[in-house]
C-alpha atoms as a PDB file:
ATOM      1  CA  MET A   1      34.843 -54.560 135.840  1.00  0.00           C
ATOM      2  CA  THR A   2      32.515 -53.352 138.552  1.00  0.00           C
ATOM      3  CA  VAL A   3      29.071 -54.812 139.239  1.00  0.00           C
ATOM      4  CA  THR A   4      27.437 -51.580 138.059  1.00  0.00           C
ATOM      5  CA  ASN A   5      29.209 -51.735 134.699  1.00  0.00           C
ATOM      6  CA  LEU A   6      28.258 -55.396 134.303  1.00  0.00           C
ATOM      7  CA  VAL A   7      24.558 -54.474 134.779  1.00  0.00           C
ATOM      8  CA  LYS A   8      24.760 -51.699 132.159  1.00  0.00           C
ATOM      9  CA  VAL A   9      26.414 -54.021 129.615  1.00  0.00           C
ATOM     10  CA  ALA A  10      23.802 -56.706 130.245  1.00  0.00           C
ATOM     11  CA  SER A  11      20.951 -54.223 129.782  1.00  0.00           C
ATOM     12  CA  ILE A  12      22.350 -52.934 126.482  1.00  0.00           C
ATOM     13  CA  SER A  13      22.897 -56.458 125.204  1.00  0.00           C
ATOM     14  CA  ALA A  14      19.376 -57.531 126.114  1.00  0.00           C
ATOM     15  CA  GLY A  15      17.905 -54.482 124.323  1.00  0.00           C
ATOM     16  CA  THR A  16      19.951 -55.230 121.226  1.00  0.00           C
ATOM     17  CA  VAL A  17      18.769 -58.852 121.172  1.00  0.00           C
ATOM     18  CA  LEU A  18      15.104 -57.836 121.569  1.00  0.00           C
ATOM     19  CA  LEU A  19      15.377 -55.307 118.741  1.00  0.00           C
ATOM     20  CA  ALA A  20      17.049 -57.870 116.467  1.00  0.00           C
ATOM     21  CA  VAL A  21      14.206 -60.315 117.106  1.00  0.00           C
ATOM     22  CA  ALA A  22      11.434 -57.711 116.767  1.00  0.00           C
ATOM     23  CA  ILE A  23      12.440 -56.199 113.397  1.00  0.00           C
ATOM     24  CA  PRO A  24      11.941 -59.427 111.368  1.00  0.00           C
ATOM     25  CA  LEU A  25       8.633 -60.059 113.105  1.00  0.00           C
ATOM     26  CA  LEU A  26       7.360 -56.538 112.360  1.00  0.00           C
ATOM     27  CA  SER A  27       8.219 -56.916 108.707  1.00  0.00           C
ATOM     28  CA  LYS A  28       5.921 -59.950 108.488  1.00  0.00           C
ATOM     29  CA  LEU A  29       2.880 -58.067 109.841  1.00  0.00           C
ATOM     30  CA  PRO A  30       0.175 -56.959 107.350  1.00  0.00           C
ATOM     31  CA  SER A  31       1.057 -53.679 105.665  1.00  0.00           C
ATOM     32  CA  THR A  32      -0.542 -50.813 107.630  1.00  0.00           C
ATOM     33  CA  SER A  33       0.356 -47.548 109.262  1.00  0.00           C
ATOM     34  CA  LEU A  34       0.859 -46.334 112.773  1.00  0.00           C
ATOM     35  CA  THR A  35      -2.231 -44.172 112.394  1.00  0.00           C
ATOM     36  CA  SER A  36      -4.428 -47.197 111.797  1.00  0.00           C
ATOM     37  CA  PHE A  37      -3.157 -48.725 115.004  1.00  0.00           C
ATOM     38  CA  ILE A  38      -3.960 -45.530 116.907  1.00  0.00           C
ATOM     39  CA  ASP A  39      -7.482 -45.466 115.519  1.00  0.00           C
ATOM     40  CA  GLU A  40      -8.167 -48.777 117.193  1.00  0.00           C
ATOM     41  CA  PHE A  41      -7.852 -47.207 120.634  1.00  0.00           C
ATOM     42  CA  PRO A  42     -10.789 -45.451 122.349  1.00  0.00           C
ATOM     43  CA  THR A  43     -10.796 -41.674 121.794  1.00  0.00           C
ATOM     44  CA  GLN A  44     -12.560 -38.815 123.560  1.00  0.00           C
ATOM     45  CA  ASP A  45     -15.957 -37.740 122.221  1.00  0.00           C
ATOM     46  CA  TYR A  46     -15.459 -34.204 123.551  1.00  0.00           C
ATOM     47  CA  SER A  47     -13.028 -31.402 122.837  1.00  0.00           C
ATOM     48  CA  PHE A  48      -9.688 -31.320 124.573  1.00  0.00           C
ATOM     49  CA  THR A  49      -9.371 -28.705 127.274  1.00  0.00           C
ATOM     50  CA  ALA A  50      -6.705 -26.021 127.392  1.00  0.00           C
ATOM     51  CA  PRO A  51      -3.880 -25.882 126.703  1.00  0.00           C
ATOM     52  CA  LEU A  52      -4.259 -28.627 124.091  1.00  0.00           C
ATOM     53  CA  LYS A  53      -7.148 -26.784 122.388  1.00  0.00           C
ATOM     54  CA  LEU A  54      -4.666 -24.074 121.367  1.00  0.00           C
ATOM     55  CA  PHE A  55      -3.274 -26.483 118.805  1.00  0.00           C
ATOM     56  CA  ARG A  56      -6.600 -27.650 117.388  1.00  0.00           C
ATOM     57  CA  ALA A  57      -6.843 -26.932 113.681  1.00  0.00           C
ATOM     58  CA  LYS A  58      -9.634 -24.546 112.664  1.00  0.00           C
ATOM     59  CA  PRO A  59     -11.992 -25.699 109.907  1.00  0.00           C
ATOM     60  CA  PRO A  60     -11.517 -23.785 106.669  1.00  0.00           C
ATOM     61  CA  GLU A  61     -14.075 -21.055 105.987  1.00  0.00           C
ATOM     62  CA  ASP A  62     -14.770 -22.479 102.548  1.00  0.00           C
ATOM     63  CA  THR A  63     -15.923 -25.869 103.887  1.00  0.00           C
ATOM     64  CA  PRO A  64     -18.395 -27.228 101.280  1.00  0.00           C
ATOM     65  CA  PHE A  65     -22.054 -26.967 102.275  1.00  0.00           C
ATOM     66  CA  ILE A  66     -23.793 -30.318 102.764  1.00  0.00           C
ATOM     67  CA  CYS A  67     -27.591 -30.421 102.528  1.00  0.00           C
ATOM     68  CA  ASP A  68     -29.384 -32.298 105.288  1.00  0.00           C
ATOM     69  CA  VAL A  69     -32.083 -34.040 103.268  1.00  0.00           C
ATOM     70  CA  LEU A  70     -33.529 -35.505 106.480  1.00  0.00           C
ATOM     71  CA  HIS A  71     -34.075 -32.083 108.068  1.00  0.00           C
ATOM     72  CA  THR A  72     -37.463 -31.965 109.783  1.00  0.00           C
ATOM     73  CA  TYR A  73     -39.849 -29.112 110.523  1.00  0.00           C
ATOM     74  CA  LYS A  74     -43.243 -28.660 112.180  1.00  0.00           C
ATOM     75  CA  THR A  75     -46.308 -26.818 110.882  1.00  0.00           C
ATOM     76  CA  GLU A  76     -49.209 -25.007 112.558  1.00  0.00           C
ATOM     77  CA  LEU A  77     -52.369 -24.025 110.719  1.00  0.00           C
ATOM     78  CA  VAL A  78     -53.073 -20.347 111.448  1.00  0.00           C
ATOM     79  CA  SER A  79     -55.800 -19.446 108.942  1.00  0.00           C
ATOM     80  CA  VAL A  80     -57.899 -21.578 106.594  1.00  0.00           C
ATOM     81  CA  ASP A  81     -59.298 -18.925 104.253  1.00  0.00           C
ATOM     82  CA  PRO A  82     -56.924 -17.494 103.188  1.00  0.00           C
ATOM     83  CA  LEU A  83     -54.560 -20.351 103.885  1.00  0.00           C
ATOM     84  CA  ILE A  84     -51.727 -19.279 106.207  1.00  0.00           C
ATOM     85  CA  ILE A  85     -49.382 -21.854 107.758  1.00  0.00           C
ATOM     86  CA  TYR A  86     -46.661 -21.217 110.323  1.00  0.00           C
ATOM     87  CA  ILE A  87     -43.571 -23.418 109.833  1.00  0.00           C
ATOM     88  CA  HIS A  88     -41.195 -24.093 112.719  1.00  0.00           C
ATOM     89  CA  ASN A  89     -37.530 -24.795 111.875  1.00  0.00           C
ATOM     90  CA  LEU A  90     -37.939 -24.640 108.107  1.00  0.00           C
ATOM     91  CA  ILE A  91     -34.306 -23.528 107.677  1.00  0.00           C
ATOM     92  CA  SER A  92     -31.427 -24.930 109.754  1.00  0.00           C
ATOM     93  CA  PRO A  93     -28.622 -22.857 111.340  1.00  0.00           C
ATOM     94  CA  SER A  94     -26.020 -24.196 108.875  1.00  0.00           C
ATOM     95  CA  GLU A  95     -28.259 -23.245 105.946  1.00  0.00           C
ATOM     96  CA  ILE A  96     -28.756 -19.767 107.398  1.00  0.00           C
ATOM     97  CA  THR A  97     -24.981 -19.319 107.714  1.00  0.00           C
ATOM     98  CA  SER A  98     -24.392 -20.399 104.113  1.00  0.00           C
ATOM     99  CA  LEU A  99     -27.222 -18.263 102.689  1.00  0.00           C
ATOM    100  CA  LEU A 100     -26.002 -15.147 104.506  1.00  0.00           C
ATOM    101  CA  ARG A 101     -22.417 -15.738 103.374  1.00  0.00           C
ATOM    102  CA  THR A 102     -23.561 -15.928  99.746  1.00  0.00           C
ATOM    103  CA  ALA A 103     -25.856 -12.899  99.946  1.00  0.00           C
ATOM    104  CA  GLU A 104     -23.700 -10.521 101.995  1.00  0.00           C
ATOM    105  CA  PRO A 105     -21.930  -8.780  99.072  1.00  0.00           C
ATOM    106  CA  LEU A 106     -25.140  -8.649  97.000  1.00  0.00           C
ATOM    107  CA  PHE A 107     -27.392  -6.435  99.141  1.00  0.00           C
ATOM    108  CA  ALA A 108     -28.706  -3.265  97.517  1.00  0.00           C
ATOM    109  CA  PRO A 109     -31.645  -0.898  98.183  1.00  0.00           C
ATOM    110  CA  SER A 110     -34.942  -2.718  97.651  1.00  0.00           C
ATOM    111  CA  ALA A 111     -37.280  -1.920  94.775  1.00  0.00           C
ATOM    112  CA  VAL A 112     -40.867  -2.799  93.915  1.00  0.00           C
ATOM    113  CA  THR A 113     -42.566  -3.703  90.651  1.00  0.00           C
ATOM    114  CA  LYS A 114     -45.078  -1.130  89.405  1.00  0.00           C
ATOM    115  CA  ASN A 115     -46.592  -1.213  85.936  1.00  0.00           C
ATOM    116  CA  GLY A 116     -44.177  -3.992  85.040  1.00  0.00           C
ATOM    117  CA  ARG A 117     -41.075  -2.017  86.008  1.00  0.00           C
ATOM    118  CA  GLN A 118     -38.687  -2.232  88.946  1.00  0.00           C
ATOM    119  CA  GLN A 119     -38.493   1.071  90.820  1.00  0.00           C
ATOM    120  CA  LYS A 120     -37.552   2.413  94.218  1.00  0.00           C
ATOM    121  CA  THR A 121     -40.247   3.748  96.522  1.00  0.00           C
ATOM    122  CA  SER A 122     -40.566   5.210 100.009  1.00  0.00           C
ATOM    123  CA  ASP A 123     -43.022   2.409 100.810  1.00  0.00           C
ATOM    124  CA  ARG A 124     -40.105  -0.021 100.969  1.00  0.00           C
ATOM    125  CA  THR A 125     -36.910   1.059 102.701  1.00  0.00           C
ATOM    126  CA  SER A 126     -35.106  -2.275 103.160  1.00  0.00           C
ATOM    127  CA  SER A 127     -32.185  -3.834 101.282  1.00  0.00           C
ATOM    128  CA  SER A 128     -32.463  -6.914  99.066  1.00  0.00           C
ATOM    129  CA  ALA A 129     -30.179  -9.527  97.549  1.00  0.00           C
ATOM    130  CA  GLY A 130     -31.026 -11.952  94.770  1.00  0.00           C
ATOM    131  CA  LEU A 131     -29.634 -15.461  95.277  1.00  0.00           C
ATOM    132  CA  PRO A 132     -28.258 -17.790  92.579  1.00  0.00           C
ATOM    133  CA  ARG A 133     -30.462 -20.843  92.242  1.00  0.00           C
ATOM    134  CA  ASN A 134     -27.440 -23.108  91.645  1.00  0.00           C
ATOM    135  CA  ASP A 135     -25.988 -22.312  95.081  1.00  0.00           C
ATOM    136  CA  PRO A 136     -25.974 -25.560  97.174  1.00  0.00           C
ATOM    137  CA  ALA A 137     -27.753 -24.035 100.194  1.00  0.00           C
ATOM    138  CA  VAL A 138     -30.307 -22.317  97.952  1.00  0.00           C
ATOM    139  CA  MET A 139     -31.034 -25.578  96.113  1.00  0.00           C
ATOM    140  CA  CYS A 140     -31.362 -27.374  99.453  1.00  0.00           C
ATOM    141  CA  VAL A 141     -33.975 -24.937 100.776  1.00  0.00           C
ATOM    142  CA  LEU A 142     -35.839 -24.715  97.451  1.00  0.00           C
ATOM    143  CA  ASN A 143     -36.114 -28.510  97.263  1.00  0.00           C
ATOM    144  CA  ARG A 144     -37.573 -28.547 100.771  1.00  0.00           C
ATOM    145  CA  GLY A 145     -40.095 -25.897  99.763  1.00  0.00           C
ATOM    146  CA  ARG A 146     -40.933 -27.860  96.619  1.00  0.00           C
ATOM    147  CA  ASN A 147     -41.650 -30.978  98.650  1.00  0.00           C
ATOM    148  CA  PHE A 148     -43.816 -28.942 101.022  1.00  0.00           C
ATOM    149  CA  LEU A 149     -45.988 -27.770  98.111  1.00  0.00           C
ATOM    150  CA  GLY A 150     -46.705 -31.278  96.834  1.00  0.00           C
ATOM    151  CA  THR A 151     -49.190 -31.306  93.940  1.00  0.00           C
ATOM    152  CA  MET A 152     -49.682 -27.532  94.050  1.00  0.00           C
ATOM    153  CA  VAL A 153     -46.654 -27.256  91.763  1.00  0.00           C
ATOM    154  CA  ARG A 154     -46.672 -29.239  88.531  1.00  0.00           C
ATOM    155  CA  ASP A 155     -43.285 -30.694  87.655  1.00  0.00           C
ATOM    156  CA  GLY A 156     -42.081 -29.704  84.201  1.00  0.00           C
ATOM    157  CA  TRP A 157     -44.519 -26.806  84.099  1.00  0.00           C
ATOM    158  CA  ASP A 158     -44.402 -24.631  87.241  1.00  0.00           C
ATOM    159  CA  GLU A 159     -41.235 -23.690  89.157  1.00  0.00           C
ATOM    160  CA  MET A 160     -40.047 -22.399  92.497  1.00  0.00           C
ATOM    161  CA  GLY A 161     -38.800 -19.067  91.173  1.00  0.00           C
ATOM    162  CA  PRO A 162     -35.632 -17.148  92.118  1.00  0.00           C
ATOM    163  CA  PRO A 163     -35.305 -16.544  95.883  1.00  0.00           C
ATOM    164  CA  GLN A 164     -34.533 -13.198  97.456  1.00  0.00           C
ATOM    165  CA  LEU A 165     -33.090 -12.115 100.790  1.00  0.00           C
ATOM    166  CA  VAL A 166     -34.405  -8.932 102.375  1.00  0.00           C
ATOM    167  CA  ARG A 167     -32.799  -7.036 105.258  1.00  0.00           C
ATOM    168  CA  TYR A 168     -34.257  -4.419 107.614  1.00  0.00           C
ATOM    169  CA  SER A 169     -32.281  -2.170 109.965  1.00  0.00           C
ATOM    170  CA  THR A 170     -33.567   0.301 112.556  1.00  0.00           C
ATOM    171  CA  GLY A 171     -36.524   2.319 111.273  1.00  0.00           C
ATOM    172  CA  GLN A 172     -36.903   0.431 107.990  1.00  0.00           C
ATOM    173  CA  ARG A 173     -40.237  -1.016 106.882  1.00  0.00           C
ATOM    174  CA  PHE A 174     -42.329  -2.253 103.962  1.00  0.00           C
ATOM    175  CA  ASN A 175     -45.832  -0.771 103.863  1.00  0.00           C
ATOM    176  CA  VAL A 176     -48.903  -2.866 103.042  1.00  0.00           C
ATOM    177  CA  HIS A 177     -48.444  -4.711  99.733  1.00  0.00           C
ATOM    178  CA  HIS A 178     -49.124  -8.050  98.078  1.00  0.00           C
ATOM    179  CA  ASP A 179     -46.706 -10.530  96.506  1.00  0.00           C
ATOM    180  CA  TRP A 180     -48.808 -11.437  93.463  1.00  0.00           C
ATOM    181  CA  PHE A 181     -48.834  -9.318  90.308  1.00  0.00           C
ATOM    182  CA  ASP A 182     -51.919  -7.453  89.131  1.00  0.00           C
ATOM    183  CA  THR A 183     -51.152  -8.681  85.608  1.00  0.00           C
ATOM    184  CA  SER A 184     -49.425 -11.997  84.958  1.00  0.00           C
ATOM    185  CA  ARG A 185     -45.828 -11.742  83.777  1.00  0.00           C
ATOM    186  CA  TRP A 186     -44.557 -13.107  80.486  1.00  0.00           C
ATOM    187  CA  ALA A 187     -42.307 -16.159  80.584  1.00  0.00           C
ATOM    188  CA  THR A 188     -38.677 -15.668  79.547  1.00  0.00           C
ATOM    189  CA  ASP A 189     -38.247 -19.083  77.905  1.00  0.00           C
ATOM    190  CA  GLY A 190     -39.324 -17.957  74.434  1.00  0.00           C
ATOM    191  CA  THR A 191     -42.921 -19.173  74.812  1.00  0.00           C
ATOM    192  CA  SER A 192     -46.046 -17.047  75.121  1.00  0.00           C
ATOM    193  CA  ARG A 193     -46.867 -18.474  78.541  1.00  0.00           C
ATOM    194  CA  THR A 194     -47.525 -16.188  81.513  1.00  0.00           C
ATOM    195  CA  TRP A 195     -47.030 -16.717  85.228  1.00  0.00           C
ATOM    196  CA  ASN A 196     -47.869 -15.323  88.643  1.00  0.00           C
ATOM    197  CA  ARG A 197     -46.740 -15.930  92.212  1.00  0.00           C
ATOM    198  CA  LEU A 198     -48.908 -18.779  93.411  1.00  0.00           C
ATOM    199  CA  ALA A 199     -47.745 -18.659  97.030  1.00  0.00           C
ATOM    200  CA  SER A 200     -45.113 -17.188  99.346  1.00  0.00           C
ATOM    201  CA  PHE A 201     -42.615 -18.472 101.898  1.00  0.00           C
ATOM    202  CA  PHE A 202     -41.226 -15.799 104.223  1.00  0.00           C
ATOM    203  CA  ALA A 203     -38.463 -17.348 106.326  1.00  0.00           C
ATOM    204  CA  ILE A 204     -36.531 -15.444 109.013  1.00  0.00           C
ATOM    205  CA  LEU A 205     -32.733 -15.781 108.986  1.00  0.00           C
ATOM    206  CA  GLN A 206     -31.715 -13.134 111.541  1.00  0.00           C
ATOM    207  CA  ASP A 207     -33.914 -11.939 114.412  1.00  0.00           C
ATOM    208  CA  ASN A 208     -31.621  -9.790 116.578  1.00  0.00           C
ATOM    209  CA  CYS A 209     -34.189  -7.018 116.732  1.00  0.00           C
ATOM    210  CA  THR A 210     -37.289  -5.582 118.335  1.00  0.00           C
ATOM    211  CA  GLY A 211     -40.363  -4.733 116.291  1.00  0.00           C
ATOM    212  CA  GLY A 212     -40.411  -5.700 112.636  1.00  0.00           C
ATOM    213  CA  GLU A 213     -43.456  -7.984 112.798  1.00  0.00           C
ATOM    214  CA  THR A 214     -45.084  -9.196 109.586  1.00  0.00           C
ATOM    215  CA  HIS A 215     -48.659  -7.883 109.685  1.00  0.00           C
ATOM    216  CA  PHE A 216     -51.600  -9.347 107.745  1.00  0.00           C
ATOM    217  CA  PRO A 217     -54.336  -6.730 108.339  1.00  0.00           C
ATOM    218  CA  TYR A 218     -57.136  -8.816 106.759  1.00  0.00           C
ATOM    219  CA  ALA A 219     -56.248 -12.266 108.080  1.00  0.00           C
ATOM    220  CA  LYS A 220     -58.151 -13.928 110.900  1.00  0.00           C
ATOM    221  CA  GLY A 221     -57.072 -16.851 113.023  1.00  0.00           C
ATOM    222  CA  ILE A 222     -59.049 -20.073 113.001  1.00  0.00           C
ATOM    223  CA  PHE A 223     -60.271 -19.177 116.492  1.00  0.00           C
ATOM    224  CA  PRO A 224     -60.166 -15.548 117.686  1.00  0.00           C
ATOM    225  CA  GLN A 225     -58.508 -14.745 120.977  1.00  0.00           C
ATOM    226  CA  SER A 226     -60.938 -14.891 123.878  1.00  0.00           C
ATOM    227  CA  PRO A 227     -62.732 -11.705 125.039  1.00  0.00           C
ATOM    228  CA  TRP A 228     -62.642 -13.041 128.619  1.00  0.00           C
ATOM    229  CA  GLY A 229     -58.910 -12.596 129.069  1.00  0.00           C
ATOM    230  CA  GLU A 230     -57.690 -16.186 128.970  1.00  0.00           C
ATOM    231  CA  THR A 231     -54.058 -16.758 128.035  1.00  0.00           C
ATOM    232  CA  PRO A 232     -53.772 -16.536 124.214  1.00  0.00           C
ATOM    233  CA  TRP A 233     -52.442 -19.346 122.082  1.00  0.00           C
ATOM    234  CA  ARG A 234     -48.657 -19.466 122.332  1.00  0.00           C
ATOM    235  CA  GLY A 235     -47.519 -21.394 119.315  1.00  0.00           C
ATOM    236  CA  GLY A 236     -44.109 -22.977 119.741  1.00  0.00           C
ATOM    237  CA  LEU A 237     -43.982 -22.354 123.508  1.00  0.00           C
ATOM    238  CA  GLU A 238     -42.014 -25.555 124.175  1.00  0.00           C
ATOM    239  CA  GLU A 239     -39.546 -24.622 121.469  1.00  0.00           C
ATOM    240  CA  GLN A 240     -38.922 -21.227 123.074  1.00  0.00           C
ATOM    241  CA  ILE A 241     -38.435 -22.770 126.523  1.00  0.00           C
ATOM    242  CA  GLN A 242     -35.859 -25.177 125.084  1.00  0.00           C
ATOM    243  CA  ARG A 243     -33.993 -22.198 123.656  1.00  0.00           C
ATOM    244  CA  GLY A 244     -33.732 -20.778 127.175  1.00  0.00           C
ATOM    245  CA  LYS A 245     -36.112 -17.854 126.741  1.00  0.00           C
ATOM    246  CA  GLU A 246     -37.023 -16.464 130.143  1.00  0.00           C
ATOM    247  CA  GLU A 247     -40.284 -14.907 128.961  1.00  0.00           C
ATOM    248  CA  PRO A 248     -41.670 -16.829 125.995  1.00  0.00           C
ATOM    249  CA  LYS A 249     -43.813 -14.670 123.735  1.00  0.00           C
ATOM    250  CA  PRO A 250     -46.543 -15.677 121.288  1.00  0.00           C
ATOM    251  CA  LEU A 251     -45.167 -16.261 117.797  1.00  0.00           C
ATOM    252  CA  TRP A 252     -48.165 -14.377 116.420  1.00  0.00           C
ATOM    253  CA  ARG A 253     -50.876 -12.207 117.898  1.00  0.00           C
ATOM    254  CA  GLU A 254     -54.020 -10.304 117.043  1.00  0.00           C
ATOM    255  CA  HIS A 255     -52.887  -6.846 116.012  1.00  0.00           C
ATOM    256  CA  GLU A 256     -54.508  -3.847 117.697  1.00  0.00           C
ATOM    257  CA  ASN A 257     -55.572  -2.508 114.282  1.00  0.00           C
ATOM    258  CA  GLY A 258     -56.965  -5.845 113.158  1.00  0.00           C
ATOM    259  CA  GLY A 259     -55.498  -8.907 111.526  1.00  0.00           C
ATOM    260  CA  LEU A 260     -52.528 -10.985 112.665  1.00  0.00           C
ATOM    261  CA  ALA A 261     -48.927  -9.974 113.362  1.00  0.00           C
ATOM    262  CA  PHE A 262     -46.041 -12.466 113.325  1.00  0.00           C
ATOM    263  CA  ARG A 263     -42.823 -11.657 115.155  1.00  0.00           C
ATOM    264  CA  PRO A 264     -39.485 -12.603 113.534  1.00  0.00           C
ATOM    265  CA  VAL A 265     -37.937 -15.859 114.816  1.00  0.00           C
ATOM    266  CA  ALA A 266     -34.820 -17.188 113.068  1.00  0.00           C
ATOM    267  CA  GLY A 267     -35.366 -20.458 111.211  1.00  0.00           C
ATOM    268  CA  ASN A 268     -39.162 -20.181 111.245  1.00  0.00           C
ATOM    269  CA  ALA A 269     -41.332 -19.180 108.292  1.00  0.00           C
ATOM    270  CA  ILE A 270     -44.810 -18.088 107.243  1.00  0.00           C
ATOM    271  CA  PHE A 271     -46.424 -19.684 104.185  1.00  0.00           C
ATOM    272  CA  TRP A 272     -49.542 -18.445 102.431  1.00  0.00           C
ATOM    273  CA  ILE A 273     -51.475 -18.803  99.160  1.00  0.00           C
ATOM    274  CA  ASN A 274     -51.545 -15.639  97.029  1.00  0.00           C
ATOM    275  CA  LEU A 275     -54.051 -16.559  94.312  1.00  0.00           C
ATOM    276  CA  HIS A 276     -57.681 -17.581  94.104  1.00  0.00           C
ATOM    277  CA  PRO A 277     -58.425 -20.787  92.107  1.00  0.00           C
ATOM    278  CA  ASN A 278     -59.235 -18.636  89.046  1.00  0.00           C
ATOM    279  CA  GLY A 279     -55.731 -17.112  89.133  1.00  0.00           C
ATOM    280  CA  THR A 280     -56.669 -13.680  90.466  1.00  0.00           C
ATOM    281  CA  GLY A 281     -54.899 -12.215  93.487  1.00  0.00           C
ATOM    282  CA  ASP A 282     -56.309 -12.618  96.981  1.00  0.00           C
ATOM    283  CA  GLU A 283     -56.444  -9.170  98.620  1.00  0.00           C
ATOM    284  CA  ARG A 284     -56.711 -10.803 102.038  1.00  0.00           C
ATOM    285  CA  THR A 285     -53.032 -11.786 101.771  1.00  0.00           C
ATOM    286  CA  ASN A 286     -51.942  -8.142 101.731  1.00  0.00           C
ATOM    287  CA  HIS A 287     -49.279  -7.718 104.388  1.00  0.00           C
ATOM    288  CA  ALA A 288     -46.677  -5.308 105.724  1.00  0.00           C
ATOM    289  CA  GLY A 289     -43.239  -5.401 107.290  1.00  0.00           C
ATOM    290  CA  LEU A 290     -43.794  -3.209 110.344  1.00  0.00           C
ATOM    291  CA  PRO A 291     -41.005  -0.734 111.211  1.00  0.00           C
ATOM    292  CA  LEU A 292     -37.973  -2.202 112.950  1.00  0.00           C
ATOM    293  CA  LEU A 293     -37.492  -0.484 116.307  1.00  0.00           C
ATOM    294  CA  ASP A 294     -33.839  -1.502 116.567  1.00  0.00           C
ATOM    295  CA  GLY A 295     -31.426  -4.238 115.562  1.00  0.00           C
ATOM    296  CA  LEU A 296     -31.297  -6.262 112.348  1.00  0.00           C
ATOM    297  CA  LYS A 297     -33.824  -8.517 110.644  1.00  0.00           C
ATOM    298  CA  THR A 298     -33.010 -10.612 107.592  1.00  0.00           C
ATOM    299  CA  ALA A 299     -35.470 -12.898 105.827  1.00  0.00           C
ATOM    300  CA  MET A 300     -35.743 -15.085 102.728  1.00  0.00           C
ATOM    301  CA  ASN A 301     -38.553 -14.750 100.176  1.00  0.00           C
ATOM    302  CA  ILE A 302     -39.492 -17.736  98.013  1.00  0.00           C
ATOM    303  CA  TRP A 303     -42.247 -17.207  95.448  1.00  0.00           C
ATOM    304  CA  PRO A 304     -43.393 -20.380  93.608  1.00  0.00           C
ATOM    305  CA  ARG A 305     -44.530 -19.554  90.095  1.00  0.00           C
ATOM    306  CA  GLN A 306     -47.711 -20.880  88.521  1.00  0.00           C
ATOM    307  CA  TYR A 307     -47.672 -20.859  84.706  1.00  0.00           C
ATOM    308  CA  TYR A 308     -50.638 -20.459  82.389  1.00  0.00           C
ATOM    309  CA  ARG A 309     -51.010 -21.926  78.912  1.00  0.00           C
ATOM    310  CA  ASP A 310     -50.371 -19.920  75.770  1.00  0.00           C
ATOM    311  CA  SER A 311     -53.093 -17.358  75.248  1.00  0.00           C
END
C-alpha cells in the first residue's frame, strides 16, 4: 500500500472515531434546536444587500394593526376665543396607512345635513367615507382624541361620535359652513336625549397637493402678524426642516380676505370648540375647505358629541 493510500485510510478512520464519540455526547445535551444555537450569535441590525435581499420574505398585506399607545404629539395654541389648537403629529404614518386601507372602498360623493336630512349640494364637492368605530386603527385614534379632551367629555354620557374621512381632488372644495347643528339631534339609543357636536378634530392624512387650505374667516390669532414686515410665525419650522423641506412654509397664515388659513400637512390636525357654554353654536368657527389647485387631499373628521338631558 502506498503512503498516499495510508494517509487516506488514516483520515477516514479518525473521522469515524470522532463521529462515534460525538454522537453520544450530543444526545446528552439539553434538548434544543439548531435555530436556538444560531440565535446566540450576533446578527446584523440592517438589511442584507443584494443579491440576498431578493430572497427576503415580504410582510403580508393583512398584518394586524398594532396601536402605539405611547405615541406623542405636540400642540400650539392658535386662538383663545374661539379656542383653536394646532396639533403636530396627531396621527402616525402606520395609522394613516391603516385608515386609508379601510376607507378606500367606502368613498362616495359627500353630502351635507340640511333641515335634518342628508342631501348633496354644490357647496360641497368632495368624497366621503364613514369609518367603523370597531376598526383597530379607528379605535386607536379615537382613544387618543378622547384623552386629549380630558374632562370636556363625560364618560358614560358623552361620546366621540363616528369618524369620517373626506377626500378632495383637483378643483373640489367645501364652501363656508359650520360643524355644529342648528338644532340638536335626537339620540338613537331609545332615550329622549339630544346631542350636538361639541368640538372638531380635522386631521390631514394625505397632502400631495397645492391649495386646499382650511380657512376660518372669523378667527384671529393670539397675536396678529406684524404690519412692519417682520418674518411671520412659522409654527413647526424645525419639524419641516427635519423632513427635508427646502423652503419651509408657515403651517397657517393670515388670509388676504381675513381670518386664518391652515395648509394641509399629513399627520397634523386642527382642533376647535364648536359650541358656546350654553350649547349654542359659535359662528366664529365657520370654516371652508378652499379649492384644491391640484393633487389629492384626504383628511379625517372627528366630532365629539355632547349630550343633553331629557327635555
